[in-house]
N, C-alpha and C. Protein backbone atom coordinates (compact mmCIF):
# COMPACT_ATOMS: atom_id res chain seq x y z
N MET A 1 71.14 118.08 151.23
CA MET A 1 69.59 118.11 150.16
C MET A 1 69.12 117.63 150.77
N ALA A 2 67.42 118.14 150.38
CA ALA A 2 65.81 117.57 149.74
C ALA A 2 66.17 117.31 148.52
N ALA A 3 64.50 116.37 148.46
CA ALA A 3 64.26 115.97 146.89
C ALA A 3 64.16 117.02 145.80
N ALA A 4 63.50 118.51 146.79
CA ALA A 4 63.14 120.06 146.01
C ALA A 4 64.65 120.32 145.26
N ASP A 5 65.41 120.06 145.70
CA ASP A 5 67.26 120.11 145.12
C ASP A 5 67.47 119.84 144.31
N VAL A 6 67.42 118.62 143.79
CA VAL A 6 67.76 117.83 142.35
C VAL A 6 67.57 118.31 141.74
N ASP A 7 66.69 118.31 141.41
CA ASP A 7 66.65 119.60 140.01
C ASP A 7 67.75 120.38 139.30
N HIS A 8 67.77 121.16 140.51
CA HIS A 8 68.22 122.35 140.41
C HIS A 8 70.09 121.79 140.34
N VAL A 9 70.50 121.01 141.00
CA VAL A 9 72.08 120.06 141.60
C VAL A 9 72.13 119.48 139.95
N THR A 10 70.75 118.26 139.77
CA THR A 10 71.21 118.12 138.46
C THR A 10 71.64 118.98 137.06
N ALA A 11 71.10 119.79 137.36
CA ALA A 11 71.54 121.52 135.61
C ALA A 11 73.37 121.99 136.33
N MET A 12 72.98 121.98 137.87
CA MET A 12 74.17 122.17 138.06
C MET A 12 76.08 121.30 137.22
N ASP A 13 74.96 120.02 137.87
CA ASP A 13 76.67 119.15 137.88
C ASP A 13 76.39 119.08 136.48
N ALA A 14 75.54 118.67 135.39
CA ALA A 14 75.67 119.41 134.06
C ALA A 14 76.12 119.93 133.46
N ALA A 15 75.87 121.18 134.56
CA ALA A 15 77.13 122.49 133.67
C ALA A 15 78.28 122.15 134.69
N LEU A 16 78.69 121.44 135.30
CA LEU A 16 79.95 121.66 136.11
C LEU A 16 80.99 120.32 135.86
N PHE A 17 80.10 119.68 134.93
CA PHE A 17 80.75 118.34 134.77
C PHE A 17 81.12 117.27 133.82
N GLY A 18 80.05 118.09 132.55
CA GLY A 18 79.73 118.02 130.97
C GLY A 18 78.98 116.32 131.19
N ILE A 19 80.47 115.52 130.22
CA ILE A 19 79.73 114.40 129.77
C ILE A 19 79.94 113.01 131.38
N ASP A 20 80.50 113.77 132.48
CA ASP A 20 80.50 113.08 133.51
C ASP A 20 79.71 113.18 134.59
N CYS A 21 78.70 114.05 134.35
CA CYS A 21 77.95 114.50 134.98
C CYS A 21 76.48 113.44 135.32
N TRP A 22 76.04 113.43 136.43
CA TRP A 22 75.80 112.35 137.17
C TRP A 22 73.74 112.60 136.70
N PRO A 23 73.21 111.42 136.05
CA PRO A 23 71.61 112.05 135.65
C PRO A 23 70.97 111.61 137.43
N ARG A 24 69.68 112.65 136.62
CA ARG A 24 68.79 112.92 137.93
C ARG A 24 68.49 112.09 138.83
N GLN A 25 68.25 110.83 138.54
CA GLN A 25 67.54 109.11 139.08
C GLN A 25 69.08 109.09 140.20
N LEU A 26 70.17 109.31 140.00
CA LEU A 26 71.26 108.93 140.81
C LEU A 26 71.17 110.05 141.82
N PHE A 27 70.98 110.60 142.20
CA PHE A 27 70.90 111.66 142.73
C PHE A 27 69.40 111.64 143.69
N MET A 28 68.51 111.03 143.45
CA MET A 28 67.50 110.28 143.82
C MET A 28 67.92 109.27 145.33
N ASN A 29 68.37 108.24 144.26
CA ASN A 29 68.97 106.79 144.99
C ASN A 29 69.88 107.46 145.69
N GLU A 30 70.86 108.70 145.92
CA GLU A 30 71.40 108.95 146.61
C GLU A 30 70.26 109.04 148.20
N LEU A 31 70.12 110.07 147.45
CA LEU A 31 68.90 110.95 148.69
C LEU A 31 68.42 109.35 149.57
N ALA A 32 67.57 108.27 148.71
CA ALA A 32 66.68 107.48 149.15
C ALA A 32 67.63 107.05 150.49
N ALA A 33 69.22 106.93 150.54
CA ALA A 33 69.78 106.34 151.58
C ALA A 33 70.35 106.66 152.52
N PRO A 34 69.58 107.25 153.94
CA PRO A 34 69.83 107.95 154.53
C PRO A 34 70.65 107.61 155.50
N ASP A 35 70.73 106.48 155.19
CA ASP A 35 71.68 105.53 156.19
C ASP A 35 72.82 104.77 156.29
N THR A 36 73.59 105.57 154.65
CA THR A 36 74.59 105.39 154.28
C THR A 36 75.38 106.42 153.69
N ARG A 37 74.36 107.03 153.41
CA ARG A 37 74.72 108.87 152.27
C ARG A 37 74.39 110.31 153.45
N ARG A 38 75.01 110.93 153.08
CA ARG A 38 74.88 112.47 153.23
C ARG A 38 75.21 113.51 152.59
N TYR A 39 73.88 113.94 151.75
CA TYR A 39 74.07 115.09 150.63
C TYR A 39 73.65 116.48 151.19
N ILE A 40 74.60 117.71 151.06
CA ILE A 40 74.22 118.70 151.35
C ILE A 40 74.39 119.80 150.62
N VAL A 41 73.84 120.87 150.51
CA VAL A 41 73.97 122.08 148.92
C VAL A 41 74.01 123.29 149.84
N ALA A 42 74.90 123.57 150.05
CA ALA A 42 75.10 125.33 150.21
C ALA A 42 74.19 126.38 149.45
N GLU A 43 74.38 127.80 150.08
CA GLU A 43 72.93 128.20 149.60
C GLU A 43 74.14 129.65 149.98
N VAL A 44 73.29 131.36 149.54
CA VAL A 44 73.12 131.95 149.46
C VAL A 44 72.42 133.26 148.90
N ALA A 45 72.16 134.29 149.61
CA ALA A 45 70.64 134.87 149.99
C ALA A 45 70.49 135.24 148.45
N ALA A 46 69.32 135.20 147.86
CA ALA A 46 69.29 135.34 146.07
C ALA A 46 69.21 136.92 145.65
N ALA A 47 69.55 137.66 146.96
CA ALA A 47 69.28 139.46 146.10
C ALA A 47 71.11 139.83 147.15
N PRO A 48 71.08 140.99 146.22
CA PRO A 48 72.30 140.99 146.16
C PRO A 48 72.55 141.58 147.81
N GLY A 49 73.85 141.57 148.37
CA GLY A 49 73.29 141.86 149.73
C GLY A 49 73.14 141.51 150.88
N GLY A 50 73.09 140.02 150.15
CA GLY A 50 72.20 139.98 151.92
C GLY A 50 70.41 139.93 151.72
N GLY A 51 69.90 140.41 150.97
CA GLY A 51 68.60 141.10 151.41
C GLY A 51 67.70 139.42 151.79
N SER A 52 66.24 140.02 151.79
CA SER A 52 65.39 138.95 152.17
C SER A 52 64.80 138.91 151.00
N ALA A 53 64.96 139.19 149.35
CA ALA A 53 63.41 140.10 148.72
C ALA A 53 63.79 138.24 147.37
N GLY A 54 63.52 137.24 148.00
CA GLY A 54 63.33 135.72 147.61
C GLY A 54 64.36 134.74 148.45
N PRO A 55 64.50 133.18 147.50
CA PRO A 55 64.13 132.55 148.23
C PRO A 55 65.98 132.11 148.09
N ALA A 56 66.77 131.41 149.15
CA ALA A 56 68.41 130.76 148.94
C ALA A 56 69.05 130.48 147.31
N ARG A 57 69.45 130.47 146.95
CA ARG A 57 70.26 130.14 145.91
C ARG A 57 71.35 128.78 146.59
N VAL A 58 70.82 127.58 146.02
CA VAL A 58 71.79 126.91 145.86
C VAL A 58 73.04 127.21 144.84
N VAL A 59 74.62 127.24 145.53
CA VAL A 59 76.02 127.48 144.59
C VAL A 59 76.58 126.08 144.53
N GLY A 60 76.41 125.61 146.33
CA GLY A 60 77.32 124.24 145.85
C GLY A 60 76.20 122.70 146.86
N TYR A 61 77.11 121.94 145.98
CA TYR A 61 76.03 120.60 146.49
C TYR A 61 77.59 119.59 146.29
N ALA A 62 77.38 118.61 147.71
CA ALA A 62 78.57 117.81 147.78
C ALA A 62 77.57 116.17 148.85
N GLY A 63 78.42 114.63 148.53
CA GLY A 63 78.30 113.81 149.27
C GLY A 63 79.13 112.92 149.28
N LEU A 64 78.24 112.29 150.91
CA LEU A 64 79.16 111.03 151.36
C LEU A 64 78.44 110.00 151.38
N MET A 65 79.11 108.87 151.42
CA MET A 65 78.82 107.85 151.22
C MET A 65 79.50 107.36 152.37
N CYS A 66 79.10 106.93 153.21
CA CYS A 66 80.41 106.15 154.78
C CYS A 66 79.06 104.71 154.73
N VAL A 67 80.37 103.92 154.73
CA VAL A 67 80.07 102.52 155.34
C VAL A 67 81.06 102.18 156.23
N PRO A 68 81.39 102.45 157.49
CA PRO A 68 82.44 102.07 157.94
C PRO A 68 83.32 101.03 157.83
N PRO A 69 85.08 101.05 157.51
CA PRO A 69 85.68 102.20 158.20
C PRO A 69 86.15 102.65 157.33
N ILE A 70 84.88 102.77 156.29
CA ILE A 70 85.80 103.81 155.18
C ILE A 70 84.33 104.28 155.08
N GLY A 71 84.58 106.30 154.61
CA GLY A 71 83.86 107.17 154.06
C GLY A 71 84.19 107.18 152.47
N ASP A 72 83.11 107.70 151.45
CA ASP A 72 83.85 108.15 150.29
C ASP A 72 83.02 109.55 149.86
N ILE A 73 83.79 110.60 149.75
CA ILE A 73 83.24 111.65 149.06
C ILE A 73 83.00 111.87 147.99
N GLN A 74 81.74 111.41 147.64
CA GLN A 74 80.79 110.95 145.90
C GLN A 74 80.66 112.34 144.84
N THR A 75 81.04 113.67 145.57
CA THR A 75 80.70 114.85 144.60
C THR A 75 81.10 115.87 145.35
N VAL A 76 81.60 116.41 144.81
CA VAL A 76 81.96 118.22 145.30
C VAL A 76 81.37 119.68 143.57
N GLY A 77 80.50 119.86 144.49
CA GLY A 77 80.15 121.16 143.16
C GLY A 77 80.02 122.41 144.00
N VAL A 78 81.27 123.63 142.51
CA VAL A 78 80.47 124.65 143.48
C VAL A 78 80.31 125.09 142.22
N LEU A 79 79.36 126.19 141.63
CA LEU A 79 79.30 127.28 140.91
C LEU A 79 80.74 128.24 140.27
N PRO A 80 81.14 128.20 139.23
CA PRO A 80 82.10 128.82 139.19
C PRO A 80 81.95 130.49 139.68
N GLU A 81 80.92 131.13 139.83
CA GLU A 81 80.57 132.68 140.15
C GLU A 81 80.66 133.20 141.78
N PHE A 82 80.99 131.60 142.37
CA PHE A 82 81.27 131.00 143.62
C PHE A 82 82.55 130.68 144.22
N GLU A 83 83.31 130.32 143.37
CA GLU A 83 84.35 129.47 143.65
C GLU A 83 85.57 131.10 144.43
N GLY A 84 86.45 129.97 145.41
CA GLY A 84 87.41 130.94 146.20
C GLY A 84 86.66 131.62 147.85
N ARG A 85 85.38 130.79 148.16
CA ARG A 85 84.40 131.86 148.97
C ARG A 85 84.53 131.23 150.19
N GLY A 86 85.42 130.12 150.30
CA GLY A 86 85.41 128.95 151.01
C GLY A 86 84.52 128.12 150.99
N ILE A 87 83.48 127.98 150.29
CA ILE A 87 81.64 126.72 149.76
C ILE A 87 82.98 125.29 150.06
N ALA A 88 83.26 125.08 148.94
CA ALA A 88 83.53 124.05 149.02
C ALA A 88 84.19 123.63 149.94
N ARG A 89 85.35 124.44 151.01
CA ARG A 89 86.04 123.86 152.12
C ARG A 89 84.97 123.48 153.20
N ALA A 90 84.22 124.17 153.23
CA ALA A 90 82.42 123.79 154.77
C ALA A 90 82.46 123.14 154.41
N MET A 91 81.96 122.49 152.65
CA MET A 91 80.98 121.54 152.67
C MET A 91 82.32 119.95 152.67
N MET A 92 83.55 120.77 152.56
CA MET A 92 84.25 118.97 152.54
C MET A 92 84.71 119.34 154.34
N VAL A 93 84.65 119.92 155.06
CA VAL A 93 84.83 120.02 156.60
C VAL A 93 83.62 119.23 157.28
N GLU A 94 81.85 119.87 156.47
CA GLU A 94 80.96 118.94 157.23
C GLU A 94 80.72 117.80 156.42
N LEU A 95 81.61 116.98 155.51
CA LEU A 95 81.68 115.98 155.53
C LEU A 95 82.40 114.90 155.81
N ILE A 96 83.24 115.50 156.26
CA ILE A 96 84.54 114.52 156.74
C ILE A 96 84.20 114.80 157.90
N GLU A 97 83.36 115.35 158.68
CA GLU A 97 83.02 115.31 160.62
C GLU A 97 81.36 114.47 160.70
N GLU A 98 81.01 114.33 159.21
CA GLU A 98 79.53 113.31 158.98
C GLU A 98 80.76 111.84 159.32
N ALA A 99 82.10 111.46 158.47
CA ALA A 99 81.87 110.44 158.41
C ALA A 99 82.77 110.31 159.92
N ARG A 100 83.07 111.25 160.00
CA ARG A 100 84.14 110.99 161.54
C ARG A 100 83.06 110.31 162.52
N ARG A 101 81.64 111.31 162.62
CA ARG A 101 80.62 110.81 163.34
C ARG A 101 79.90 109.39 163.44
N ARG A 102 79.97 109.00 161.56
CA ARG A 102 79.56 107.69 161.49
C ARG A 102 80.43 106.45 161.58
N GLY A 103 81.31 106.46 162.05
CA GLY A 103 82.59 105.75 162.60
C GLY A 103 83.40 105.49 161.50
N ALA A 104 83.66 106.39 160.24
CA ALA A 104 84.54 106.08 159.36
C ALA A 104 86.61 106.76 159.91
N ARG A 105 87.51 105.59 159.33
CA ARG A 105 88.88 105.78 159.69
C ARG A 105 89.75 105.69 158.99
N ASP A 106 88.60 106.39 158.02
CA ASP A 106 89.60 106.87 156.33
C ASP A 106 88.44 107.40 155.27
N VAL A 107 88.32 108.80 155.02
CA VAL A 107 87.55 109.68 153.90
C VAL A 107 88.78 109.21 152.24
N MET A 108 87.79 108.42 151.37
CA MET A 108 88.50 108.50 150.16
C MET A 108 87.79 109.68 149.35
N LEU A 109 88.35 109.83 147.20
CA LEU A 109 87.85 110.95 146.96
C LEU A 109 88.27 109.93 145.80
N GLU A 110 87.79 110.88 144.69
CA GLU A 110 87.95 110.33 143.53
C GLU A 110 88.09 111.98 142.58
N VAL A 111 89.22 112.33 142.12
CA VAL A 111 89.66 114.00 141.48
C VAL A 111 90.16 113.92 139.90
N SER A 112 89.41 114.74 139.05
CA SER A 112 90.04 113.99 137.67
C SER A 112 91.62 115.31 138.35
N SER A 113 92.18 114.28 137.21
CA SER A 113 94.20 115.02 137.20
C SER A 113 93.99 116.26 136.98
N THR A 114 93.19 116.88 135.73
CA THR A 114 93.07 118.33 135.17
C THR A 114 92.04 118.68 135.93
N ASN A 115 92.06 118.74 137.80
CA ASN A 115 91.22 119.55 138.16
C ASN A 115 92.39 120.00 139.41
N PRO A 116 93.40 120.75 138.95
CA PRO A 116 94.42 121.36 140.32
C PRO A 116 93.80 121.82 140.93
N ARG A 117 92.79 122.82 140.62
CA ARG A 117 92.00 123.64 141.90
C ARG A 117 91.80 122.32 143.36
N ALA A 118 90.66 121.42 142.75
CA ALA A 118 90.43 121.03 143.80
C ALA A 118 91.21 119.81 144.51
N GLN A 119 92.32 119.07 143.85
CA GLN A 119 93.91 118.66 144.22
C GLN A 119 94.39 119.65 145.60
N ASP A 120 94.55 120.71 145.09
CA ASP A 120 95.20 121.71 146.08
C ASP A 120 94.16 121.36 147.92
N LEU A 121 93.26 121.93 146.99
CA LEU A 121 92.07 122.19 148.49
C LEU A 121 92.23 120.44 149.17
N TYR A 122 91.88 118.99 148.35
CA TYR A 122 91.92 118.89 149.59
C TYR A 122 93.04 118.04 149.98
N ARG A 123 94.52 118.21 149.00
CA ARG A 123 95.37 118.86 149.70
C ARG A 123 95.61 119.28 151.61
N ARG A 124 95.41 120.12 151.05
CA ARG A 124 95.07 121.17 152.32
C ARG A 124 94.23 120.42 153.99
N PHE A 125 93.64 119.15 153.09
CA PHE A 125 92.82 119.05 154.22
C PHE A 125 93.32 117.25 154.80
N GLY A 126 94.64 117.33 153.98
CA GLY A 126 95.56 116.50 154.35
C GLY A 126 95.27 114.60 153.63
N PHE A 127 94.53 115.15 152.43
CA PHE A 127 94.77 114.12 151.82
C PHE A 127 95.53 113.72 151.03
N GLU A 128 96.21 112.21 150.96
CA GLU A 128 97.00 112.23 149.70
C GLU A 128 96.82 111.06 148.81
N HIS A 129 97.10 111.36 147.37
CA HIS A 129 96.91 110.82 146.29
C HIS A 129 97.84 109.24 146.57
N ILE A 130 97.05 108.18 146.38
CA ILE A 130 97.17 107.11 146.81
C ILE A 130 97.14 105.77 145.90
N HIS A 131 96.65 106.15 144.60
CA HIS A 131 96.49 105.65 143.27
C HIS A 131 96.11 106.34 141.59
N THR A 132 96.37 105.93 141.00
CA THR A 132 95.85 106.80 139.74
C THR A 132 94.92 105.89 139.19
N ARG A 133 94.21 105.90 138.78
CA ARG A 133 93.03 105.25 137.47
C ARG A 133 92.95 105.80 136.37
N ARG A 134 93.30 105.30 135.19
CA ARG A 134 93.61 105.76 134.06
C ARG A 134 92.67 106.13 132.82
N ARG A 135 92.65 107.22 132.98
CA ARG A 135 91.43 107.18 131.74
C ARG A 135 90.24 106.95 132.18
N TYR A 136 90.22 106.99 133.41
CA TYR A 136 88.65 106.97 134.67
C TYR A 136 87.20 107.95 133.81
N TYR A 137 87.52 108.92 133.78
CA TYR A 137 86.41 109.67 133.60
C TYR A 137 86.28 109.79 131.89
N ARG A 138 85.44 110.02 131.43
CA ARG A 138 84.51 110.18 130.26
C ARG A 138 85.16 110.76 129.60
N ASP A 139 85.60 111.72 129.69
CA ASP A 139 86.31 112.56 128.95
C ASP A 139 87.84 112.27 128.21
N GLY A 140 88.41 111.49 129.04
CA GLY A 140 89.30 110.75 129.29
C GLY A 140 90.75 111.28 129.93
N SER A 141 89.99 111.42 131.44
CA SER A 141 91.16 112.33 132.10
C SER A 141 91.28 111.39 133.25
N ASP A 142 92.27 110.96 133.14
CA ASP A 142 92.79 110.45 134.86
C ASP A 142 92.47 110.88 136.11
N GLY A 143 91.84 109.40 136.80
CA GLY A 143 91.23 109.41 138.76
C GLY A 143 92.33 109.43 139.33
N LEU A 144 92.50 110.47 140.05
CA LEU A 144 93.28 110.33 141.42
C LEU A 144 92.54 109.85 142.15
N VAL A 145 93.05 108.67 142.81
CA VAL A 145 92.48 107.89 144.38
C VAL A 145 93.21 109.21 145.69
N MET A 146 92.42 109.58 146.26
CA MET A 146 93.07 110.00 147.22
C MET A 146 92.20 109.89 148.76
N ARG A 147 92.76 109.41 149.63
CA ARG A 147 92.94 109.12 151.44
C ARG A 147 93.24 109.74 152.06
N LEU A 148 92.67 110.18 153.09
CA LEU A 148 92.56 111.35 154.33
C LEU A 148 92.11 109.47 155.87
N SER A 149 93.44 110.27 156.00
CA SER A 149 93.34 108.90 157.34
C SER A 149 92.60 110.10 158.50
N LEU A 150 91.58 109.31 159.20
CA LEU A 150 91.06 110.69 160.04
C LEU A 150 92.12 109.77 161.61
N ALA A 151 92.54 108.60 161.30
CA ALA A 151 92.79 107.62 162.49
C ALA A 151 94.15 108.72 162.71
N ARG A 152 94.92 108.77 161.50
CA ARG A 152 96.32 109.06 161.80
C ARG A 152 96.22 110.72 162.10
N ARG A 153 95.03 111.25 161.83
CA ARG A 153 94.55 112.70 162.24
C ARG A 153 94.38 112.91 163.26
N ASP A 154 94.17 111.90 164.21
CA ASP A 154 93.31 112.24 164.98
C ASP A 154 94.60 112.24 166.28
N ARG A 155 95.57 111.13 166.17
CA ARG A 155 96.69 111.08 167.16
C ARG A 155 97.51 111.96 166.81
N GLY A 156 97.65 112.61 165.36
CA GLY A 156 99.03 113.16 165.04
C GLY A 156 98.79 114.34 166.10
N ASN A 157 98.27 115.18 165.97
CA ASN A 157 98.12 116.85 166.84
C ASN A 157 96.49 116.69 166.79
N SER A 158 96.03 115.94 167.82
CA SER A 158 94.25 116.20 167.84
C SER A 158 94.71 118.56 168.47
N ASP A 159 95.04 118.94 168.63
CA ASP A 159 94.55 120.33 168.79
C ASP A 159 94.35 120.45 166.79
N THR A 160 95.55 120.43 166.26
CA THR A 160 95.70 120.94 165.45
C THR A 160 94.51 120.39 163.73
N ALA A 161 94.57 118.63 164.30
CA ALA A 161 93.49 118.29 163.60
C ALA A 161 91.48 119.26 164.02
N SER A 162 91.25 119.17 164.73
CA SER A 162 90.10 120.06 165.32
C SER A 162 90.30 121.24 165.27
N ALA A 163 91.36 121.66 164.90
CA ALA A 163 91.23 123.47 164.57
C ALA A 163 90.75 123.07 162.95
N ASP A 164 91.39 122.59 161.95
CA ASP A 164 91.27 122.55 160.79
C ASP A 164 89.94 122.15 160.56
N THR A 165 89.03 121.44 160.73
CA THR A 165 87.86 121.26 160.68
C THR A 165 86.49 122.36 161.44
N LYS A 166 87.13 123.39 161.88
CA LYS A 166 86.56 123.92 162.15
C LYS A 166 86.01 124.51 160.69
N GLU A 167 84.19 125.34 161.02
CA GLU A 167 83.69 125.59 160.04
C GLU A 167 84.53 127.42 160.04
N PRO A 168 85.02 128.15 158.65
CA PRO A 168 85.07 129.73 158.59
C PRO A 168 83.85 130.04 159.05
N SER A 169 84.36 131.58 159.59
CA SER A 169 83.48 132.36 160.18
C SER A 169 82.51 133.14 158.77
C-alpha cells in the first residue's frame, strides 16, 4: 500500500466496517512505520475482461504489525462484489509469510463474532480461537482473538505447511 491508496482504502474501510472503521490518519500512521508494519492492496484490472482501459482498481487491503516473536494481522478487507475469488486468502498468505520473514513465531488477529465468513477463512489457515473480548467492537459485537502458531505449523508437517502458504494460481 502506498500513500496514494489511503483515501480509497479509507473509503473502503468505512463501507466495510461502518462505525468500527479506521480514520485516514491511522492508515497514514501505519504506513509511516515500515520497520514494524506491512500493508498491501489487492488490485484488479479496471476494464471488464482484464483489458488495459485504465488504472487498476483497489478491491482489497490488509495490514500486519510485527514485533517478534508476535505478528498481528491488523485488518483485512475485500469489497463484497469481489468476495469468493481468493483475494483475502492471497493477502493472508502474503502477511503470514511476511510475519515469518520478520521472525514471528505466532500470528494473532481479532475478528468480529458476527463475521463467520472471515472466521472460517482464518480457521482454514490454522488459526485457533483463544479468547473472546466481550463487546469489543463499537457495534457491540464480541472480538474473537485467534492465534496461528508458526513454530507448530513448521514443526508439524513442513510439506503441508509450505503447500498451504503458496499463492493461488
